[in-house]
Amino acid sequence: MSANTVLLIRHGQTDFNTERRLQGALPVPLNDCGRAQSRALAQQLKRTPIDTIYSSPRLRASETAQIIAENLGKQIIEDERLAEIAFGDFEAHTFPEAQDLYPEAYRKWESGYRPYRVPNGESRLDVQHRMLAAWNDIVRIPDLETVAIVSHSSAMMIMLASMFAHLPDKPMKNTSVTTLKRYREIWEIAAFAEAPHISE
């Protein structure tokens, strides 16, 4: 049997998140809050029979996955295809900074044209292709029932937008979990960006 439940988990908080800086391919670690979020999520996930944990190799995701894996006694499989979109020249900047520094590139990015690549980065279409390729490989692996994937908000939202005509209007907070379930080869969103383990 191949997987019928997938938990899409956004990594824990980083200092770049609090500063609203684009991280992309940069090796940004979790901050203390992000580690606490990840530990709280790991405790919640002990009630879920997860078979395997897949993770983006980006530091913030791999640290989140490691905390979860240690608490659940699971191994991690890293997959480069699950990484965040590479924002190229925009990385380490906020969007307003990127707009000031690279006005033409920023205008093109803001157009939403999916094939457009930020200089030295990726396009939304690039990310869609690699994320879907990883998804299709993972959910076809036999003898799995429930899989966790630790990734990034932009990458996961790009993938989900290519899979579903409508997505909930809700932010994907750090360590939030989006649950997808398979029903007769059709995937449905059972829960979107839920984070009951995080205290408001």
N, C-alpha and C. Protein backbone atom coordinates (compact mmCIF):
# COMPACT_ATOMS: atom_id res chain seq x y z
N MET A 1 0.85 -1.20 0.00
CA MET A 1 0.00 0.00 0.00
C MET A 1 0.88 1.24 0.00
N SER A 2 0.55 2.22 -0.79
CA SER A 2 1.27 3.49 -0.80
C SER A 2 0.58 4.48 0.14
N ALA A 3 1.23 5.61 0.38
CA ALA A 3 0.76 6.55 1.40
C ALA A 3 -0.64 7.07 1.10
N ASN A 4 -1.45 7.16 2.14
CA ASN A 4 -2.79 7.73 2.03
C ASN A 4 -2.94 9.02 2.84
N THR A 5 -1.95 9.33 3.66
CA THR A 5 -1.97 10.57 4.44
C THR A 5 -0.59 11.21 4.38
N VAL A 6 -0.54 12.49 4.05
CA VAL A 6 0.71 13.24 4.03
C VAL A 6 0.56 14.48 4.89
N LEU A 7 1.51 14.67 5.80
CA LEU A 7 1.55 15.86 6.64
C LEU A 7 2.62 16.80 6.09
N LEU A 8 2.19 17.94 5.58
CA LEU A 8 3.12 18.95 5.08
C LEU A 8 3.42 19.92 6.22
N ILE A 9 4.66 19.95 6.67
CA ILE A 9 5.05 20.71 7.85
C ILE A 9 5.98 21.85 7.44
N ARG A 10 5.63 23.06 7.83
CA ARG A 10 6.55 24.17 7.61
C ARG A 10 7.60 24.17 8.73
N HIS A 11 8.83 24.51 8.39
CA HIS A 11 9.91 24.55 9.37
C HIS A 11 9.62 25.55 10.49
N GLY A 12 10.37 25.46 11.58
CA GLY A 12 10.24 26.38 12.71
C GLY A 12 10.76 27.78 12.40
N GLN A 13 10.50 28.66 13.33
CA GLN A 13 10.84 30.07 13.13
C GLN A 13 12.35 30.31 13.11
N THR A 14 12.75 31.29 12.29
CA THR A 14 14.14 31.76 12.23
C THR A 14 14.14 33.26 12.48
N ASP A 15 15.32 33.80 12.73
CA ASP A 15 15.41 35.26 12.87
C ASP A 15 15.02 35.96 11.58
N PHE A 16 15.33 35.34 10.44
CA PHE A 16 14.92 35.93 9.16
C PHE A 16 13.41 36.01 9.05
N ASN A 17 12.70 35.02 9.60
CA ASN A 17 11.23 35.07 9.59
C ASN A 17 10.73 36.28 10.35
N THR A 18 11.30 36.53 11.52
CA THR A 18 10.83 37.66 12.34
C THR A 18 11.16 38.98 11.67
N GLU A 19 12.24 39.01 10.87
CA GLU A 19 12.63 40.24 10.16
C GLU A 19 12.01 40.32 8.77
N ARG A 20 11.26 39.26 8.40
CA ARG A 20 10.59 39.17 7.10
C ARG A 20 11.60 39.26 5.94
N ARG A 21 12.73 38.58 6.14
CA ARG A 21 13.76 38.53 5.10
C ARG A 21 13.62 37.23 4.30
N LEU A 22 13.89 37.33 3.02
CA LEU A 22 13.80 36.16 2.14
C LEU A 22 14.99 35.24 2.38
N GLN A 23 14.69 33.99 2.68
CA GLN A 23 15.74 33.03 3.03
C GLN A 23 16.18 32.19 1.85
N GLY A 24 15.21 31.71 1.07
CA GLY A 24 15.54 30.94 -0.12
C GLY A 24 16.50 29.81 0.17
N ALA A 25 17.63 29.82 -0.52
CA ALA A 25 18.62 28.74 -0.40
C ALA A 25 19.63 28.99 0.72
N LEU A 26 19.50 30.09 1.45
CA LEU A 26 20.48 30.42 2.48
C LEU A 26 20.40 29.44 3.66
N PRO A 27 21.53 29.14 4.30
CA PRO A 27 21.55 28.21 5.44
C PRO A 27 21.21 28.91 6.75
N VAL A 28 19.96 29.30 6.88
CA VAL A 28 19.51 30.04 8.06
C VAL A 28 19.04 29.04 9.13
N PRO A 29 19.59 29.11 10.35
CA PRO A 29 19.19 28.15 11.40
C PRO A 29 17.91 28.58 12.10
N LEU A 30 17.33 27.67 12.83
CA LEU A 30 16.21 28.00 13.70
C LEU A 30 16.69 28.92 14.82
N ASN A 31 15.79 29.75 15.31
CA ASN A 31 16.09 30.49 16.53
C ASN A 31 15.50 29.73 17.72
N ASP A 32 15.62 30.28 18.92
CA ASP A 32 15.14 29.57 20.11
C ASP A 32 13.64 29.29 20.02
N CYS A 33 12.89 30.26 19.50
CA CYS A 33 11.45 30.06 19.34
C CYS A 33 11.18 28.92 18.37
N GLY A 34 11.91 28.87 17.27
CA GLY A 34 11.73 27.82 16.27
C GLY A 34 12.02 26.43 16.82
N ARG A 35 13.03 26.35 17.67
CA ARG A 35 13.33 25.05 18.28
C ARG A 35 12.23 24.65 19.26
N ALA A 36 11.73 25.63 20.02
CA ALA A 36 10.63 25.33 20.94
C ALA A 36 9.37 24.92 20.18
N GLN A 37 9.07 25.60 19.08
CA GLN A 37 7.93 25.23 18.25
C GLN A 37 8.07 23.79 17.75
N SER A 38 9.27 23.44 17.32
CA SER A 38 9.51 22.11 16.76
C SER A 38 9.36 21.04 17.83
N ARG A 39 9.83 21.33 19.05
CA ARG A 39 9.66 20.37 20.14
C ARG A 39 8.19 20.19 20.49
N ALA A 40 7.45 21.30 20.49
CA ALA A 40 6.01 21.21 20.80
C ALA A 40 5.28 20.41 19.73
N LEU A 41 5.64 20.63 18.47
CA LEU A 41 5.02 19.86 17.39
C LEU A 41 5.36 18.39 17.51
N ALA A 42 6.62 18.10 17.84
CA ALA A 42 7.04 16.71 17.98
C ALA A 42 6.20 15.99 19.04
N GLN A 43 5.91 16.67 20.14
CA GLN A 43 5.07 16.07 21.18
C GLN A 43 3.66 15.79 20.65
N GLN A 44 3.12 16.72 19.88
CA GLN A 44 1.79 16.52 19.31
C GLN A 44 1.78 15.35 18.33
N LEU A 45 2.84 15.23 17.55
CA LEU A 45 2.89 14.19 16.51
C LEU A 45 3.08 12.79 17.08
N LYS A 46 3.39 12.69 18.36
CA LYS A 46 3.52 11.37 18.97
C LYS A 46 2.20 10.60 18.91
N ARG A 47 1.10 11.33 18.73
CA ARG A 47 -0.22 10.69 18.63
C ARG A 47 -0.54 10.25 17.21
N THR A 48 0.38 10.54 16.28
CA THR A 48 0.16 10.21 14.87
C THR A 48 1.16 9.12 14.44
N PRO A 49 0.68 8.00 13.90
CA PRO A 49 1.60 6.93 13.49
C PRO A 49 2.31 7.24 12.17
N ILE A 50 3.35 8.07 12.24
CA ILE A 50 4.10 8.47 11.04
C ILE A 50 5.10 7.37 10.67
N ASP A 51 5.11 6.98 9.41
CA ASP A 51 6.02 5.93 8.96
C ASP A 51 7.40 6.48 8.60
N THR A 52 7.43 7.61 7.90
CA THR A 52 8.69 8.15 7.40
C THR A 52 8.63 9.68 7.40
N ILE A 53 9.80 10.29 7.61
CA ILE A 53 9.91 11.75 7.57
C ILE A 53 10.84 12.14 6.42
N TYR A 54 10.32 12.94 5.51
CA TYR A 54 11.14 13.50 4.43
C TYR A 54 11.37 14.98 4.75
N SER A 55 12.51 15.50 4.30
CA SER A 55 12.82 16.88 4.62
C SER A 55 13.60 17.56 3.51
N SER A 56 13.33 18.84 3.37
CA SER A 56 14.23 19.72 2.62
C SER A 56 15.59 19.71 3.32
N PRO A 57 16.69 19.79 2.57
CA PRO A 57 18.00 19.83 3.20
C PRO A 57 18.40 21.20 3.73
N ARG A 58 17.58 22.23 3.51
CA ARG A 58 17.92 23.55 4.02
C ARG A 58 17.93 23.51 5.55
N LEU A 59 18.90 24.20 6.15
CA LEU A 59 19.20 24.05 7.57
C LEU A 59 17.97 24.19 8.45
N ARG A 60 17.15 25.19 8.22
CA ARG A 60 15.98 25.42 9.08
C ARG A 60 14.99 24.28 9.01
N ALA A 61 14.87 23.66 7.83
CA ALA A 61 13.97 22.51 7.69
C ALA A 61 14.59 21.25 8.28
N SER A 62 15.87 21.03 8.01
CA SER A 62 16.52 19.81 8.52
C SER A 62 16.60 19.83 10.04
N GLU A 63 16.79 21.01 10.65
CA GLU A 63 16.78 21.10 12.11
C GLU A 63 15.40 20.78 12.67
N THR A 64 14.37 21.30 12.03
CA THR A 64 13.01 21.00 12.45
C THR A 64 12.73 19.50 12.35
N ALA A 65 13.11 18.92 11.21
CA ALA A 65 12.89 17.49 10.99
C ALA A 65 13.67 16.65 12.01
N GLN A 66 14.88 17.08 12.36
CA GLN A 66 15.70 16.33 13.30
C GLN A 66 15.06 16.31 14.68
N ILE A 67 14.53 17.44 15.11
CA ILE A 67 13.86 17.49 16.42
C ILE A 67 12.66 16.55 16.43
N ILE A 68 11.87 16.58 15.35
CA ILE A 68 10.71 15.69 15.27
C ILE A 68 11.15 14.23 15.24
N ALA A 69 12.15 13.93 14.42
CA ALA A 69 12.61 12.55 14.26
C ALA A 69 13.15 11.99 15.56
N GLU A 70 13.90 12.79 16.30
CA GLU A 70 14.47 12.32 17.57
C GLU A 70 13.36 11.98 18.57
N ASN A 71 12.31 12.77 18.57
CA ASN A 71 11.20 12.52 19.49
C ASN A 71 10.34 11.33 19.07
N LEU A 72 10.29 11.07 17.78
CA LEU A 72 9.45 9.96 17.29
C LEU A 72 10.24 8.69 17.02
N GLY A 73 11.56 8.77 17.15
CA GLY A 73 12.39 7.59 16.87
C GLY A 73 12.39 7.21 15.41
N LYS A 74 12.40 8.22 14.53
CA LYS A 74 12.36 7.98 13.09
C LYS A 74 13.63 8.49 12.43
N GLN A 75 13.89 7.98 11.23
CA GLN A 75 14.98 8.47 10.40
C GLN A 75 14.46 9.53 9.44
N ILE A 76 15.37 10.37 8.97
CA ILE A 76 15.01 11.42 8.02
C ILE A 76 15.60 11.10 6.65
N ILE A 77 14.80 11.32 5.63
CA ILE A 77 15.28 11.22 4.26
C ILE A 77 15.26 12.62 3.67
N GLU A 78 16.42 13.16 3.34
CA GLU A 78 16.48 14.50 2.77
C GLU A 78 16.34 14.44 1.25
N ASP A 79 15.64 15.41 0.70
CA ASP A 79 15.40 15.45 -0.74
C ASP A 79 15.53 16.91 -1.19
N GLU A 80 16.50 17.17 -2.05
CA GLU A 80 16.77 18.52 -2.52
C GLU A 80 15.55 19.13 -3.20
N ARG A 81 14.69 18.30 -3.76
CA ARG A 81 13.52 18.80 -4.48
C ARG A 81 12.49 19.44 -3.55
N LEU A 82 12.63 19.21 -2.24
CA LEU A 82 11.70 19.77 -1.26
C LEU A 82 12.16 21.12 -0.72
N ALA A 83 13.26 21.65 -1.25
CA ALA A 83 13.83 22.89 -0.75
C ALA A 83 12.96 24.10 -1.10
N GLU A 84 13.21 25.20 -0.38
CA GLU A 84 12.51 26.45 -0.65
C GLU A 84 12.92 26.98 -2.02
N ILE A 85 12.04 27.80 -2.60
CA ILE A 85 12.38 28.46 -3.86
C ILE A 85 13.65 29.30 -3.65
N ALA A 86 14.57 29.21 -4.59
CA ALA A 86 15.78 30.03 -4.53
C ALA A 86 15.43 31.43 -5.02
N PHE A 87 15.53 32.41 -4.15
CA PHE A 87 15.17 33.78 -4.49
C PHE A 87 16.32 34.58 -5.09
N GLY A 88 17.46 33.91 -5.32
CA GLY A 88 18.55 34.56 -6.02
C GLY A 88 18.98 35.88 -5.40
N ASP A 89 19.00 36.92 -6.21
CA ASP A 89 19.49 38.23 -5.76
C ASP A 89 18.62 38.84 -4.66
N PHE A 90 17.40 38.34 -4.49
CA PHE A 90 16.51 38.88 -3.46
C PHE A 90 16.87 38.37 -2.06
N GLU A 91 17.62 37.28 -1.99
CA GLU A 91 17.85 36.62 -0.70
C GLU A 91 18.57 37.53 0.29
N ALA A 92 18.18 37.40 1.55
CA ALA A 92 18.68 38.17 2.69
C ALA A 92 18.06 39.56 2.75
N HIS A 93 17.21 39.90 1.77
CA HIS A 93 16.53 41.19 1.76
C HIS A 93 15.05 41.00 2.11
N THR A 94 14.43 42.05 2.59
CA THR A 94 12.97 42.07 2.68
C THR A 94 12.43 42.40 1.29
N PHE A 95 11.13 42.18 1.09
CA PHE A 95 10.57 42.53 -0.21
C PHE A 95 10.70 44.02 -0.52
N PRO A 96 10.45 44.92 0.45
CA PRO A 96 10.66 46.34 0.14
C PRO A 96 12.12 46.66 -0.25
N GLU A 97 13.07 46.01 0.40
CA GLU A 97 14.47 46.21 0.03
C GLU A 97 14.74 45.71 -1.38
N ALA A 98 14.19 44.53 -1.69
CA ALA A 98 14.38 43.98 -3.03
C ALA A 98 13.76 44.88 -4.09
N GLN A 99 12.62 45.47 -3.77
CA GLN A 99 11.98 46.38 -4.71
C GLN A 99 12.85 47.61 -4.98
N ASP A 100 13.51 48.12 -3.93
CA ASP A 100 14.39 49.29 -4.10
C ASP A 100 15.66 48.93 -4.86
N LEU A 101 16.23 47.76 -4.56
CA LEU A 101 17.50 47.37 -5.16
C LEU A 101 17.35 46.85 -6.58
N TYR A 102 16.26 46.12 -6.84
CA TYR A 102 16.07 45.47 -8.14
C TYR A 102 14.66 45.76 -8.65
N PRO A 103 14.35 47.01 -8.97
CA PRO A 103 12.96 47.37 -9.30
C PRO A 103 12.39 46.61 -10.50
N GLU A 104 13.19 46.40 -11.54
CA GLU A 104 12.67 45.71 -12.73
C GLU A 104 12.41 44.24 -12.43
N ALA A 105 13.37 43.59 -11.76
CA ALA A 105 13.19 42.18 -11.40
C ALA A 105 12.01 42.02 -10.44
N TYR A 106 11.89 42.95 -9.51
CA TYR A 106 10.79 42.88 -8.54
C TYR A 106 9.44 43.03 -9.25
N ARG A 107 9.35 43.95 -10.20
CA ARG A 107 8.10 44.12 -10.93
C ARG A 107 7.72 42.84 -11.67
N LYS A 108 8.71 42.21 -12.28
CA LYS A 108 8.44 40.97 -13.00
C LYS A 108 7.99 39.86 -12.04
N TRP A 109 8.63 39.80 -10.88
CA TRP A 109 8.26 38.78 -9.89
C TRP A 109 6.83 39.02 -9.39
N GLU A 110 6.52 40.27 -9.12
CA GLU A 110 5.20 40.61 -8.60
C GLU A 110 4.09 40.39 -9.63
N SER A 111 4.46 40.30 -10.90
CA SER A 111 3.45 40.03 -11.92
C SER A 111 2.80 38.66 -11.74
N GLY A 112 3.53 37.77 -11.05
CA GLY A 112 3.01 36.42 -10.84
C GLY A 112 3.24 35.49 -12.01
N TYR A 113 3.97 35.94 -13.02
CA TYR A 113 4.24 35.10 -14.19
C TYR A 113 5.10 33.92 -13.77
N ARG A 114 4.54 32.74 -13.84
CA ARG A 114 5.15 31.57 -13.21
C ARG A 114 6.52 31.17 -13.80
N PRO A 115 6.77 31.36 -15.10
CA PRO A 115 8.09 30.99 -15.61
C PRO A 115 9.21 31.99 -15.29
N TYR A 116 8.87 33.16 -14.71
CA TYR A 116 9.91 34.17 -14.49
C TYR A 116 10.86 33.75 -13.37
N ARG A 117 12.14 33.87 -13.65
CA ARG A 117 13.18 33.56 -12.66
C ARG A 117 13.81 34.85 -12.15
N VAL A 118 13.83 35.02 -10.85
CA VAL A 118 14.61 36.10 -10.26
C VAL A 118 16.07 35.86 -10.63
N PRO A 119 16.85 36.91 -10.95
CA PRO A 119 18.26 36.70 -11.30
C PRO A 119 18.97 35.81 -10.27
N ASN A 120 19.62 34.77 -10.78
CA ASN A 120 20.35 33.79 -9.96
C ASN A 120 19.44 32.94 -9.08
N GLY A 121 18.16 32.92 -9.42
CA GLY A 121 17.21 32.14 -8.63
C GLY A 121 16.37 31.22 -9.48
N GLU A 122 15.22 30.83 -8.95
CA GLU A 122 14.30 29.91 -9.62
C GLU A 122 13.01 30.62 -9.95
N SER A 123 12.25 30.01 -10.84
CA SER A 123 10.89 30.47 -11.11
C SER A 123 9.91 29.64 -10.29
N ARG A 124 8.70 30.16 -10.18
CA ARG A 124 7.65 29.37 -9.53
C ARG A 124 7.42 28.06 -10.27
N LEU A 125 7.56 28.10 -11.59
CA LEU A 125 7.35 26.90 -12.39
C LEU A 125 8.44 25.86 -12.12
N ASP A 126 9.69 26.33 -11.94
CA ASP A 126 10.78 25.41 -11.57
C ASP A 126 10.43 24.67 -10.28
N VAL A 127 9.96 25.42 -9.31
CA VAL A 127 9.63 24.84 -8.01
C VAL A 127 8.45 23.88 -8.12
N GLN A 128 7.45 24.28 -8.88
CA GLN A 128 6.30 23.41 -9.08
C GLN A 128 6.72 22.06 -9.64
N HIS A 129 7.58 22.08 -10.64
CA HIS A 129 7.99 20.82 -11.28
C HIS A 129 8.75 19.92 -10.32
N ARG A 130 9.70 20.50 -9.57
CA ARG A 130 10.50 19.63 -8.69
C ARG A 130 9.70 19.17 -7.46
N MET A 131 8.84 20.04 -6.93
CA MET A 131 8.03 19.64 -5.79
C MET A 131 7.05 18.54 -6.17
N LEU A 132 6.40 18.68 -7.32
CA LEU A 132 5.47 17.63 -7.76
C LEU A 132 6.19 16.33 -8.06
N ALA A 133 7.40 16.42 -8.61
CA ALA A 133 8.18 15.20 -8.87
C ALA A 133 8.50 14.49 -7.56
N ALA A 134 8.90 15.25 -6.54
CA ALA A 134 9.17 14.65 -5.23
C ALA A 134 7.90 14.06 -4.64
N TRP A 135 6.81 14.82 -4.71
CA TRP A 135 5.52 14.35 -4.19
C TRP A 135 5.13 13.02 -4.84
N ASN A 136 5.18 12.97 -6.16
CA ASN A 136 4.76 11.75 -6.86
C ASN A 136 5.62 10.56 -6.49
N ASP A 137 6.92 10.78 -6.32
CA ASP A 137 7.81 9.68 -5.91
C ASP A 137 7.48 9.21 -4.50
N ILE A 138 7.27 10.16 -3.59
CA ILE A 138 7.05 9.81 -2.19
C ILE A 138 5.74 9.06 -1.99
N VAL A 139 4.65 9.54 -2.59
CA VAL A 139 3.34 8.93 -2.32
C VAL A 139 3.17 7.59 -3.04
N ARG A 140 4.09 7.27 -3.92
CA ARG A 140 4.00 5.97 -4.61
C ARG A 140 4.86 4.89 -3.94
N ILE A 141 5.59 5.24 -2.91
CA ILE A 141 6.43 4.26 -2.23
C ILE A 141 5.53 3.25 -1.52
N PRO A 142 5.75 1.96 -1.75
CA PRO A 142 4.88 0.95 -1.13
C PRO A 142 5.13 0.83 0.38
N ASP A 143 4.15 0.26 1.06
CA ASP A 143 4.24 -0.07 2.48
C ASP A 143 4.33 1.16 3.38
N LEU A 144 3.81 2.27 2.93
CA LEU A 144 3.70 3.46 3.77
C LEU A 144 2.23 3.84 3.90
N GLU A 145 1.86 4.34 5.05
CA GLU A 145 0.50 4.81 5.26
C GLU A 145 0.48 6.32 5.50
N THR A 146 1.35 6.79 6.42
CA THR A 146 1.39 8.22 6.76
C THR A 146 2.82 8.73 6.66
N VAL A 147 2.99 9.81 5.91
CA VAL A 147 4.30 10.39 5.66
C VAL A 147 4.31 11.84 6.11
N ALA A 148 5.39 12.28 6.72
CA ALA A 148 5.58 13.69 7.06
C ALA A 148 6.62 14.29 6.12
N ILE A 149 6.35 15.49 5.62
CA ILE A 149 7.29 16.21 4.76
C ILE A 149 7.55 17.57 5.40
N VAL A 150 8.80 17.84 5.74
CA VAL A 150 9.18 19.13 6.32
C VAL A 150 9.76 19.99 5.20
N SER A 151 9.10 21.10 4.94
CA SER A 151 9.52 21.93 3.82
C SER A 151 9.31 23.41 4.16
N HIS A 152 8.94 24.21 3.18
CA HIS A 152 8.92 25.66 3.30
C HIS A 152 7.60 26.20 2.75
N SER A 153 7.19 27.36 3.26
CA SER A 153 5.86 27.87 2.92
C SER A 153 5.71 28.16 1.43
N SER A 154 6.67 28.87 0.83
CA SER A 154 6.50 29.21 -0.59
C SER A 154 6.50 27.96 -1.46
N ALA A 155 7.43 27.05 -1.21
CA ALA A 155 7.50 25.83 -2.02
C ALA A 155 6.24 24.99 -1.88
N MET A 156 5.74 24.86 -0.65
CA MET A 156 4.53 24.05 -0.45
C MET A 156 3.30 24.73 -1.04
N MET A 157 3.23 26.05 -0.92
CA MET A 157 2.07 26.75 -1.49
C MET A 157 2.08 26.68 -3.01
N ILE A 158 3.25 26.75 -3.62
CA ILE A 158 3.34 26.62 -5.08
C ILE A 158 2.86 25.24 -5.50
N MET A 159 3.28 24.20 -4.78
CA MET A 159 2.85 22.85 -5.11
C MET A 159 1.34 22.69 -4.92
N LEU A 160 0.84 23.15 -3.79
CA LEU A 160 -0.58 23.00 -3.50
C LEU A 160 -1.44 23.75 -4.51
N ALA A 161 -0.98 24.94 -4.93
CA ALA A 161 -1.73 25.72 -5.90
C ALA A 161 -1.80 25.02 -7.26
N SER A 162 -0.84 24.15 -7.53
CA SER A 162 -0.86 23.40 -8.79
C SER A 162 -1.72 22.14 -8.68
N MET A 163 -2.04 21.73 -7.46
CA MET A 163 -2.82 20.52 -7.23
C MET A 163 -4.31 20.80 -7.03
N PHE A 164 -4.62 21.95 -6.43
CA PHE A 164 -6.00 22.26 -6.06
C PHE A 164 -6.43 23.59 -6.64
N ALA A 165 -7.68 23.65 -7.08
CA ALA A 165 -8.19 24.88 -7.69
C ALA A 165 -8.37 25.99 -6.66
N HIS A 166 -8.64 25.61 -5.41
CA HIS A 166 -8.89 26.61 -4.37
C HIS A 166 -8.13 26.21 -3.10
N LEU A 167 -7.49 27.18 -2.49
CA LEU A 167 -6.79 26.97 -1.23
C LEU A 167 -7.39 27.89 -0.17
N PRO A 168 -7.38 27.46 1.08
CA PRO A 168 -7.88 28.34 2.14
C PRO A 168 -7.06 29.63 2.23
N ASP A 169 -7.74 30.70 2.55
CA ASP A 169 -7.08 32.00 2.72
C ASP A 169 -6.57 32.08 4.16
N LYS A 170 -5.42 31.45 4.38
CA LYS A 170 -4.90 31.30 5.74
C LYS A 170 -3.38 31.25 5.67
N PRO A 171 -2.68 31.96 6.53
CA PRO A 171 -1.22 31.92 6.48
C PRO A 171 -0.68 30.58 6.96
N MET A 172 0.43 30.17 6.39
CA MET A 172 1.10 28.94 6.78
C MET A 172 2.17 29.30 7.81
N LYS A 173 1.79 29.26 9.07
CA LYS A 173 2.70 29.67 10.14
C LYS A 173 3.83 28.64 10.32
N ASN A 174 4.87 29.08 11.00
CA ASN A 174 5.99 28.17 11.29
C ASN A 174 5.51 26.97 12.09
N THR A 175 5.92 25.80 11.69
CA THR A 175 5.57 24.48 12.22
C THR A 175 4.09 24.15 12.11
N SER A 176 3.36 24.88 11.27
CA SER A 176 1.97 24.48 11.01
C SER A 176 1.96 23.22 10.15
N VAL A 177 0.85 22.49 10.24
CA VAL A 177 0.72 21.21 9.54
C VAL A 177 -0.49 21.25 8.61
N THR A 178 -0.26 20.93 7.35
CA THR A 178 -1.33 20.79 6.38
C THR A 178 -1.47 19.30 6.07
N THR A 179 -2.66 18.77 6.30
CA THR A 179 -2.89 17.33 6.16
C THR A 179 -3.63 17.05 4.86
N LEU A 180 -3.02 16.21 4.02
CA LEU A 180 -3.65 15.76 2.78
C LEU A 180 -3.97 14.28 2.90
N LYS A 181 -5.18 13.93 2.48
CA LYS A 181 -5.60 12.53 2.52
C LYS A 181 -6.06 12.09 1.14
N ARG A 182 -5.75 10.84 0.82
CA ARG A 182 -6.12 10.27 -0.47
C ARG A 182 -7.46 9.53 -0.37
N TYR A 183 -8.33 9.83 -1.32
CA TYR A 183 -9.60 9.13 -1.40
C TYR A 183 -9.77 8.67 -2.84
N ARG A 184 -9.60 7.37 -3.07
CA ARG A 184 -9.74 6.78 -4.41
C ARG A 184 -8.93 7.54 -5.45
N GLU A 185 -7.65 7.71 -5.15
CA GLU A 185 -6.68 8.37 -6.05
C GLU A 185 -6.88 9.88 -6.15
N ILE A 186 -7.84 10.42 -5.41
CA ILE A 186 -8.03 11.87 -5.36
C ILE A 186 -7.53 12.37 -4.01
N TRP A 187 -6.64 13.36 -4.05
CA TRP A 187 -6.15 13.94 -2.80
C TRP A 187 -7.03 15.09 -2.36
N GLU A 188 -7.31 15.15 -1.08
CA GLU A 188 -8.13 16.20 -0.49
C GLU A 188 -7.37 16.86 0.65
N ILE A 189 -7.62 18.15 0.86
CA ILE A 189 -7.03 18.85 2.00
C ILE A 189 -7.93 18.62 3.21
N ALA A 190 -7.43 17.82 4.14
CA ALA A 190 -8.22 17.52 5.34
C ALA A 190 -8.07 18.60 6.40
N ALA A 191 -6.91 19.24 6.44
CA ALA A 191 -6.67 20.34 7.38
C ALA A 191 -5.58 21.21 6.79
N PHE A 192 -5.73 22.53 6.94
CA PHE A 192 -4.79 23.45 6.30
C PHE A 192 -4.11 24.32 7.35
N ALA A 193 -2.78 24.23 7.38
CA ALA A 193 -1.94 25.12 8.21
C ALA A 193 -2.40 25.16 9.66
N GLU A 194 -2.65 23.98 10.23
CA GLU A 194 -3.08 23.90 11.62
C GLU A 194 -1.86 23.91 12.55
N ALA A 195 -1.97 24.64 13.66
CA ALA A 195 -0.86 24.73 14.61
C ALA A 195 -1.36 24.83 16.04
N PRO A 196 -2.13 23.84 16.51
CA PRO A 196 -2.66 23.92 17.87
C PRO A 196 -1.58 23.82 18.94
N HIS A 197 -0.40 23.36 18.58
CA HIS A 197 0.70 23.23 19.54
C HIS A 197 1.35 24.55 19.88
N ILE A 198 1.05 25.60 19.08
CA ILE A 198 1.65 26.91 19.28
C ILE A 198 0.70 27.77 20.09
N SER A 199 1.18 28.30 21.19
CA SER A 199 0.37 29.19 22.00
C SER A 199 0.30 30.56 21.36
N GLU A 200 -0.89 31.06 21.18
CA GLU A 200 -1.03 32.42 20.66
C GLU A 200 -0.52 33.37 21.72
